[in-house]
C-alpha atoms as a PDB file:
ATOM      1  CA  UNK A   1    -170.890 -26.462 -85.119  1.00  0.00           C
ATOM      2  CA  UNK A   2    -170.431 -22.813 -86.057  1.00  0.00           C
ATOM      3  CA  UNK A   3    -173.362 -20.752 -87.282  1.00  0.00           C
ATOM      4  CA  UNK A   4    -171.627 -19.986 -90.551  1.00  0.00           C
ATOM      5  CA  UNK A   5    -172.055 -23.565 -91.747  1.00  0.00           C
ATOM      6  CA  UNK A   6    -175.875 -23.480 -91.747  1.00  0.00           C
ATOM      7  CA  UNK A   7    -177.852 -20.554 -93.141  1.00  0.00           C
ATOM      8  CA  UNK A   8    -181.622 -20.304 -93.636  1.00  0.00           C
ATOM      9  CA  UNK A   9    -183.119 -17.964 -96.175  1.00  0.00           C
ATOM     10  CA  UNK A  10    -186.065 -17.179 -93.970  1.00  0.00           C
ATOM     11  CA  UNK A  11    -189.321 -15.259 -93.664  1.00  0.00           C
ATOM     12  CA  UNK A  12    -190.508 -14.817 -90.076  1.00  0.00           C
ATOM     13  CA  UNK A  13    -194.157 -15.539 -90.818  1.00  0.00           C
ATOM     14  CA  UNK A  14    -193.694 -18.508 -93.165  1.00  0.00           C
ATOM     15  CA  UNK A  15    -194.812 -21.771 -91.519  1.00  0.00           C
ATOM     16  CA  UNK A  16    -192.528 -23.629 -93.906  1.00  0.00           C
ATOM     17  CA  UNK A  17    -189.491 -21.695 -92.699  1.00  0.00           C
ATOM     18  CA  UNK A  18    -190.648 -22.351 -89.151  1.00  0.00           C
ATOM     19  CA  UNK A  19    -190.664 -26.062 -89.959  1.00  0.00           C
ATOM     20  CA  UNK A  20    -186.970 -25.943 -90.834  1.00  0.00           C
ATOM     21  CA  UNK A  21    -186.052 -23.938 -87.733  1.00  0.00           C
ATOM     22  CA  UNK A  22    -187.862 -26.380 -85.450  1.00  0.00           C
ATOM     23  CA  UNK A  23    -186.027 -29.290 -87.073  1.00  0.00           C
ATOM     24  CA  UNK A  24    -182.661 -27.597 -86.553  1.00  0.00           C
ATOM     25  CA  UNK A  25    -183.526 -26.771 -82.949  1.00  0.00           C
ATOM     26  CA  UNK A  26    -184.526 -30.386 -82.305  1.00  0.00           C
ATOM     27  CA  UNK A  27    -181.096 -31.497 -83.544  1.00  0.00           C
ATOM     28  CA  UNK A  28    -179.343 -28.907 -81.398  1.00  0.00           C
ATOM     29  CA  UNK A  29    -177.820 -27.203 -84.436  1.00  0.00           C
ATOM     30  CA  UNK A  30    -176.856 -23.551 -84.618  1.00  0.00           C
ATOM     31  CA  UNK A  31    -177.810 -21.595 -87.702  1.00  0.00           C
ATOM     32  CA  UNK A  32    -177.900 -18.122 -89.177  1.00  0.00           C
ATOM     33  CA  UNK A  33    -181.177 -16.589 -90.362  1.00  0.00           C
ATOM     34  CA  UNK A  34    -181.251 -14.280 -93.379  1.00  0.00           C
ATOM     35  CA  UNK A  35    -184.633 -12.622 -93.561  1.00  0.00           C
ATOM     36  CA  UNK A  36    -186.284 -12.458 -96.967  1.00  0.00           C
ATOM     37  CA  UNK A  37    -189.318 -10.447 -98.088  1.00  0.00           C
ATOM     38  CA  UNK A  38    -190.352 -13.171-100.518  1.00  0.00           C
ATOM     39  CA  UNK A  39    -193.958 -13.312 -99.301  1.00  0.00           C
ATOM     40  CA  UNK A  40    -194.275  -9.637-100.254  1.00  0.00           C
ATOM     41  CA  UNK A  41    -192.837 -10.226-103.705  1.00  0.00           C
ATOM     42  CA  UNK A  42    -189.288  -9.071-102.955  1.00  0.00           C
ATOM     43  CA  UNK A  43    -186.678 -11.672-103.792  1.00  0.00           C
ATOM     44  CA  UNK A  44    -182.973 -11.274-103.057  1.00  0.00           C
ATOM     45  CA  UNK A  45    -180.313 -12.238-105.561  1.00  0.00           C
ATOM     46  CA  UNK A  46    -179.184 -14.955-103.169  1.00  0.00           C
ATOM     47  CA  UNK A  47    -182.696 -16.445-103.078  1.00  0.00           C
ATOM     48  CA  UNK A  48    -183.021 -16.359-106.869  1.00  0.00           C
ATOM     49  CA  UNK A  49    -179.617 -17.992-107.236  1.00  0.00           C
ATOM     50  CA  UNK A  50    -180.246 -20.604-104.539  1.00  0.00           C
ATOM     51  CA  UNK A  51    -183.768 -21.563-105.610  1.00  0.00           C
ATOM     52  CA  UNK A  52    -184.103 -20.623-109.310  1.00  0.00           C
ATOM     53  CA  UNK A  53    -187.012 -23.039-109.928  1.00  0.00           C
ATOM     54  CA  UNK A  54    -189.521 -21.982-107.258  1.00  0.00           C
ATOM     55  CA  UNK A  55    -187.839 -18.733-106.129  1.00  0.00           C
ATOM     56  CA  UNK A  56    -189.221 -19.020-102.605  1.00  0.00           C
ATOM     57  CA  UNK A  57    -188.202 -19.631 -99.024  1.00  0.00           C
ATOM     58  CA  UNK A  58    -187.137 -21.633 -97.158  1.00  0.00           C
ATOM     59  CA  UNK A  59    -183.724 -22.456 -98.510  1.00  0.00           C
ATOM     60  CA  UNK A  60    -181.126 -24.159 -96.350  1.00  0.00           C
ATOM     61  CA  UNK A  61    -177.528 -23.351 -97.231  1.00  0.00           C
ATOM     62  CA  UNK A  62    -175.235 -26.000 -95.783  1.00  0.00           C
ATOM     63  CA  UNK A  63    -171.610 -25.118 -96.396  1.00  0.00           C
ATOM     64  CA  UNK A  64    -172.863 -22.928 -99.235  1.00  0.00           C
ATOM     65  CA  UNK A  65    -174.870 -25.685-100.933  1.00  0.00           C
ATOM     66  CA  UNK A  66    -178.620 -24.951-101.274  1.00  0.00           C
ATOM     67  CA  UNK A  67    -181.396 -27.368-100.318  1.00  0.00           C
ATOM     68  CA  UNK A  68    -184.938 -26.271-101.191  1.00  0.00           C
ATOM     69  CA  UNK A  69    -188.502 -27.147-100.122  1.00  0.00           C
ATOM     70  CA  UNK A  70    -189.223 -27.500 -96.407  1.00  0.00           C
ATOM     71  CA  UNK A  71    -190.030 -31.226 -96.278  1.00  0.00           C
ATOM     72  CA  UNK A  72    -186.958 -32.014 -98.362  1.00  0.00           C
ATOM     73  CA  UNK A  73    -184.896 -29.851 -96.006  1.00  0.00           C
ATOM     74  CA  UNK A  74    -186.252 -31.545 -92.875  1.00  0.00           C
ATOM     75  CA  UNK A  75    -185.431 -34.962 -94.333  1.00  0.00           C
ATOM     76  CA  UNK A  76    -181.966 -33.708 -95.293  1.00  0.00           C
ATOM     77  CA  UNK A  77    -181.402 -32.517 -91.730  1.00  0.00           C
ATOM     78  CA  UNK A  78    -182.492 -35.899 -90.401  1.00  0.00           C
ATOM     79  CA  UNK A  79    -180.246 -37.773 -92.829  1.00  0.00           C
ATOM     80  CA  UNK A  80    -177.230 -35.572 -92.146  1.00  0.00           C
ATOM     81  CA  UNK A  81    -177.640 -35.398 -88.363  1.00  0.00           C
ATOM     82  CA  UNK A  82    -179.427 -38.663 -87.480  1.00  0.00           C
ATOM     83  CA  UNK A  83    -179.696 -38.129 -83.720  1.00  0.00           C
ATOM     84  CA  UNK A  84    -182.324 -37.748 -82.400  1.00  0.00           C
ATOM     85  CA  UNK A  85    -184.185 -39.425 -85.280  1.00  0.00           C
ATOM     86  CA  UNK A  86    -187.297 -37.888 -86.819  1.00  0.00           C
ATOM     87  CA  UNK A  87    -188.444 -41.209 -88.291  1.00  0.00           C
ATOM     88  CA  UNK A  88    -189.061 -44.663 -86.770  1.00  0.00           C
ATOM     89  CA  UNK A  89    -186.802 -47.611 -87.560  1.00  0.00           C
ATOM     90  CA  UNK A  90    -189.416 -49.877 -89.182  1.00  0.00           C
ATOM     91  CA  UNK A  91    -189.775 -49.482 -92.977  1.00  0.00           C
ATOM     92  CA  UNK A  92    -193.556 -49.824 -92.640  1.00  0.00           C
ATOM     93  CA  UNK A  93    -193.739 -47.117 -89.968  1.00  0.00           C
ATOM     94  CA  UNK A  94    -191.476 -44.896 -92.081  1.00  0.00           C
ATOM     95  CA  UNK A  95    -193.863 -45.347 -95.015  1.00  0.00           C
ATOM     96  CA  UNK A  96    -196.817 -44.429 -92.794  1.00  0.00           C
ATOM     97  CA  UNK A  97    -195.024 -41.338 -91.516  1.00  0.00           C
ATOM     98  CA  UNK A  98    -194.262 -40.225 -95.057  1.00  0.00           C
ATOM     99  CA  UNK A  99    -197.883 -40.813 -96.084  1.00  0.00           C
ATOM    100  CA  UNK A 100    -199.057 -38.407 -93.381  1.00  0.00           C
ATOM    101  CA  UNK A 101    -196.288 -35.934 -94.232  1.00  0.00           C
ATOM    102  CA  UNK A 102    -197.576 -35.883 -97.812  1.00  0.00           C
ATOM    103  CA  UNK A 103    -201.174 -35.449 -96.599  1.00  0.00           C
ATOM    104  CA  UNK A 104    -200.131 -32.538 -94.370  1.00  0.00           C
ATOM    105  CA  UNK A 105    -198.230 -30.828 -97.181  1.00  0.00           C
ATOM    106  CA  UNK A 106    -201.070 -31.175 -99.681  1.00  0.00           C
ATOM    107  CA  UNK A 107    -204.029 -30.331 -97.467  1.00  0.00           C
ATOM    108  CA  UNK A 108    -203.556 -28.137 -94.407  1.00  0.00           C
ATOM    109  CA  UNK A 109    -202.089 -24.807 -95.525  1.00  0.00           C
ATOM    110  CA  UNK A 110    -204.150 -24.548 -98.712  1.00  0.00           C
ATOM    111  CA  UNK A 111    -207.352 -25.407 -96.868  1.00  0.00           C
ATOM    112  CA  UNK A 112    -206.621 -22.753 -94.263  1.00  0.00           C
ATOM    113  CA  UNK A 113    -205.876 -20.231 -96.977  1.00  0.00           C
ATOM    114  CA  UNK A 114    -209.302 -20.823 -98.476  1.00  0.00           C
ATOM    115  CA  UNK A 115    -210.839 -19.531 -95.238  1.00  0.00           C
ATOM    116  CA  UNK A 116    -209.227 -16.102 -95.281  1.00  0.00           C
ATOM    117  CA  UNK A 117    -209.498 -15.753 -99.047  1.00  0.00           C
ATOM    118  CA  UNK A 118    -213.281 -16.268 -99.160  1.00  0.00           C
ATOM    119  CA  UNK A 119    -216.544 -14.888 -97.810  1.00  0.00           C
ATOM    120  CA  UNK A 120    -220.111 -16.002 -97.203  1.00  0.00           C
ATOM    121  CA  UNK A 121    -221.103 -19.493 -98.327  1.00  0.00           C
ATOM    122  CA  UNK A 122    -217.699 -20.109 -99.884  1.00  0.00           C
ATOM    123  CA  UNK A 123    -216.058 -19.396 -96.541  1.00  0.00           C
ATOM    124  CA  UNK A 124    -218.523 -21.674 -94.742  1.00  0.00           C
ATOM    125  CA  UNK A 125    -217.558 -24.503 -97.097  1.00  0.00           C
ATOM    126  CA  UNK A 126    -213.876 -23.708 -96.589  1.00  0.00           C
ATOM    127  CA  UNK A 127    -214.255 -23.883 -92.806  1.00  0.00           C
ATOM    128  CA  UNK A 128    -216.087 -27.203 -93.063  1.00  0.00           C
ATOM    129  CA  UNK A 129    -213.387 -28.638 -95.344  1.00  0.00           C
ATOM    130  CA  UNK A 130    -210.633 -27.392 -93.044  1.00  0.00           C
ATOM    131  CA  UNK A 131    -212.218 -28.900 -89.944  1.00  0.00           C
ATOM    132  CA  UNK A 132    -212.659 -32.234 -91.739  1.00  0.00           C
ATOM    133  CA  UNK A 133    -208.935 -32.261 -92.555  1.00  0.00           C
ATOM    134  CA  UNK A 134    -208.036 -31.532 -88.931  1.00  0.00           C
ATOM    135  CA  UNK A 135    -210.402 -34.315 -87.804  1.00  0.00           C
ATOM    136  CA  UNK A 136    -208.582 -36.726 -90.121  1.00  0.00           C
ATOM    137  CA  UNK A 137    -205.304 -35.680 -88.537  1.00  0.00           C
ATOM    138  CA  UNK A 138    -206.765 -36.074 -85.056  1.00  0.00           C
ATOM    139  CA  UNK A 139    -207.832 -39.590 -85.986  1.00  0.00           C
ATOM    140  CA  UNK A 140    -204.335 -40.296 -87.293  1.00  0.00           C
ATOM    141  CA  UNK A 141    -202.875 -39.082 -84.008  1.00  0.00           C
ATOM    142  CA  UNK A 142    -205.132 -41.386 -82.026  1.00  0.00           C
ATOM    143  CA  UNK A 143    -204.307 -41.653 -78.327  1.00  0.00           C
ATOM    144  CA  UNK A 144    -200.608 -40.984 -78.800  1.00  0.00           C
ATOM    145  CA  UNK A 145    -198.782 -37.952 -77.434  1.00  0.00           C
ATOM    146  CA  UNK A 146    -197.169 -37.298 -80.808  1.00  0.00           C
ATOM    147  CA  UNK A 147    -197.579 -38.510 -84.365  1.00  0.00           C
ATOM    148  CA  UNK A 148    -194.302 -40.339 -83.776  1.00  0.00           C
ATOM    149  CA  UNK A 149    -195.755 -42.084 -80.703  1.00  0.00           C
ATOM    150  CA  UNK A 150    -193.690 -41.123 -77.673  1.00  0.00           C
ATOM    151  CA  UNK A 151    -191.261 -39.299 -79.953  1.00  0.00           C
ATOM    152  CA  UNK A 152    -191.621 -35.835 -81.468  1.00  0.00           C
ATOM    153  CA  UNK A 153    -190.902 -36.616 -85.107  1.00  0.00           C
ATOM    154  CA  UNK A 154    -191.297 -35.723 -88.767  1.00  0.00           C
ATOM    155  CA  UNK A 155    -195.048 -35.176 -88.814  1.00  0.00           C
ATOM    156  CA  UNK A 156    -195.102 -33.288 -85.539  1.00  0.00           C
ATOM    157  CA  UNK A 157    -192.509 -30.909 -86.978  1.00  0.00           C
ATOM    158  CA  UNK A 158    -194.329 -30.629 -90.295  1.00  0.00           C
ATOM    159  CA  UNK A 159    -197.712 -29.934 -88.744  1.00  0.00           C
ATOM    160  CA  UNK A 160    -196.989 -27.824 -85.665  1.00  0.00           C
ATOM    161  CA  UNK A 161    -195.366 -25.231 -87.909  1.00  0.00           C
ATOM    162  CA  UNK A 162    -198.585 -24.903 -89.938  1.00  0.00           C
ATOM    163  CA  UNK A 163    -200.657 -24.352 -86.796  1.00  0.00           C
ATOM    164  CA  UNK A 164    -198.916 -20.989 -86.386  1.00  0.00           C
ATOM    165  CA  UNK A 165    -201.581 -19.673 -88.818  1.00  0.00           C
ATOM    166  CA  UNK A 166    -204.560 -21.374 -87.118  1.00  0.00           C
ATOM    167  CA  UNK A 167    -205.342 -18.344 -84.948  1.00  0.00           C
ATOM    168  CA  UNK A 168    -205.746 -16.268 -88.112  1.00  0.00           C
ATOM    169  CA  UNK A 169    -208.026 -18.878 -89.695  1.00  0.00           C
ATOM    170  CA  UNK A 170    -210.135 -18.966 -86.545  1.00  0.00           C
ATOM    171  CA  UNK A 171    -210.489 -15.182 -86.388  1.00  0.00           C
ATOM    172  CA  UNK A 172    -211.419 -14.815 -90.049  1.00  0.00           C
ATOM    173  CA  UNK A 173    -213.819 -17.770 -89.914  1.00  0.00           C
ATOM    174  CA  UNK A 174    -215.183 -17.118 -86.402  1.00  0.00           C
ATOM    175  CA  UNK A 175    -214.663 -20.675 -85.181  1.00  0.00           C
ATOM    176  CA  UNK A 176    -212.366 -22.585 -82.808  1.00  0.00           C
ATOM    177  CA  UNK A 177    -210.446 -25.723 -83.737  1.00  0.00           C
ATOM    178  CA  UNK A 178    -210.638 -26.823 -80.101  1.00  0.00           C
ATOM    179  CA  UNK A 179    -214.458 -26.962 -80.267  1.00  0.00           C
ATOM    180  CA  UNK A 180    -214.256 -29.583 -83.022  1.00  0.00           C
ATOM    181  CA  UNK A 181    -210.950 -31.351 -82.336  1.00  0.00           C
ATOM    182  CA  UNK A 182    -210.052 -31.224 -78.617  1.00  0.00           C
ATOM    183  CA  UNK A 183    -207.411 -33.960 -78.807  1.00  0.00           C
ATOM    184  CA  UNK A 184    -205.717 -32.206 -81.700  1.00  0.00           C
ATOM    185  CA  UNK A 185    -205.765 -28.952 -79.747  1.00  0.00           C
ATOM    186  CA  UNK A 186    -204.167 -30.738 -76.793  1.00  0.00           C
ATOM    187  CA  UNK A 187    -201.456 -31.968 -79.164  1.00  0.00           C
ATOM    188  CA  UNK A 188    -200.838 -28.367 -80.294  1.00  0.00           C
ATOM    189  CA  UNK A 189    -200.405 -27.263 -76.686  1.00  0.00           C
ATOM    190  CA  UNK A 190    -198.098 -30.198 -75.929  1.00  0.00           C
ATOM    191  CA  UNK A 191    -195.899 -29.450 -78.937  1.00  0.00           C
ATOM    192  CA  UNK A 192    -195.882 -25.720 -78.234  1.00  0.00           C
ATOM    193  CA  UNK A 193    -194.292 -26.361 -74.843  1.00  0.00           C
ATOM    194  CA  UNK A 194    -191.183 -27.803 -76.471  1.00  0.00           C
ATOM    195  CA  UNK A 195    -188.295 -25.299 -76.518  1.00  0.00           C
ATOM    196  CA  UNK A 196    -187.671 -26.036 -80.202  1.00  0.00           C
ATOM    197  CA  UNK A 197    -191.173 -24.726 -80.939  1.00  0.00           C
ATOM    198  CA  UNK A 198    -191.679 -22.027 -78.313  1.00  0.00           C
ATOM    199  CA  UNK A 199    -188.363 -20.340 -79.159  1.00  0.00           C
ATOM    200  CA  UNK A 200    -189.202 -19.789 -82.828  1.00  0.00           C
ATOM    201  CA  UNK A 201    -192.991 -19.746 -83.299  1.00  0.00           C
ATOM    202  CA  UNK A 202    -194.296 -16.256 -84.122  1.00  0.00           C
ATOM    203  CA  UNK A 203    -196.882 -14.355 -82.107  1.00  0.00           C
ATOM    204  CA  UNK A 204    -200.312 -15.566 -83.390  1.00  0.00           C
ATOM    205  CA  UNK A 205    -201.698 -12.035 -83.324  1.00  0.00           C
ATOM    206  CA  UNK A 206    -198.832 -10.784 -85.502  1.00  0.00           C
ATOM    207  CA  UNK A 207    -199.512 -13.607 -87.957  1.00  0.00           C
ATOM    208  CA  UNK A 208    -203.170 -12.526 -88.041  1.00  0.00           C
ATOM    209  CA  UNK A 209    -202.125  -8.920 -88.716  1.00  0.00           C
ATOM    210  CA  UNK A 210    -199.847 -10.129 -91.523  1.00  0.00           C
ATOM    211  CA  UNK A 211    -202.661 -12.119 -93.148  1.00  0.00           C
ATOM    212  CA  UNK A 212    -204.929  -9.090 -92.774  1.00  0.00           C
ATOM    213  CA  UNK A 213    -202.330  -7.114 -94.724  1.00  0.00           C
ATOM    214  CA  UNK A 214    -202.277  -9.834 -97.402  1.00  0.00           C
ATOM    215  CA  UNK A 215    -206.072  -9.586 -97.732  1.00  0.00           C
ATOM    216  CA  UNK A 216    -205.745  -5.865 -98.349  1.00  0.00           C
ATOM    217  CA  UNK A 217    -202.926  -6.379-100.864  1.00  0.00           C
ATOM    218  CA  UNK A 218    -204.994  -8.906-102.805  1.00  0.00           C
ATOM    219  CA  UNK A 219    -208.205  -6.855-102.594  1.00  0.00           C
ATOM    220  CA  UNK A 220    -210.005  -9.521-100.562  1.00  0.00           C
ATOM    221  CA  UNK A 221    -211.542  -7.293 -97.901  1.00  0.00           C
END
């Protein structure tokens, strides 16, 4: 497949864009990245045209047709290129996977954001809430290598992308996820060794520096 057929409207630091890139890598698909400055408030005409409702990245352009929202995009990739599959074959197991995907989308990134956006007692509460969410995920993982069992699947893709910001949360909150959730931390390391992840995940220190810049922009120092 030529690169021209798949284009991502991307932002290097966005964990949601990272999610899409990991999914494409897992399928062995080539793609073109078009860097956006959307997180800094700069939106290209192509982004506004491709995603007029939310006006944000990521957007996948497949043969010129836009698909928006990272989880929707990952499912589209899985439907369009079914091998290797991101979901199990059992309808019940698919439902369980989608339950956790919804939990991940609704909880993790916002909870982490509350850490770097707050101070004092509010930050302490934010850290506690964040760790409780990660503990729930660790419990959901159980003794398996991946959320998909032996297979790196939908929820592994959805969640490992969000962990690209964990280093920043830890530095701002002065805590370590590994101290509270060692099995979850082992899962992060296992996933990070996959070429689909290691080839695209940003430098954690650069993510921290980016979030530090956001704090200054929003007057949260």
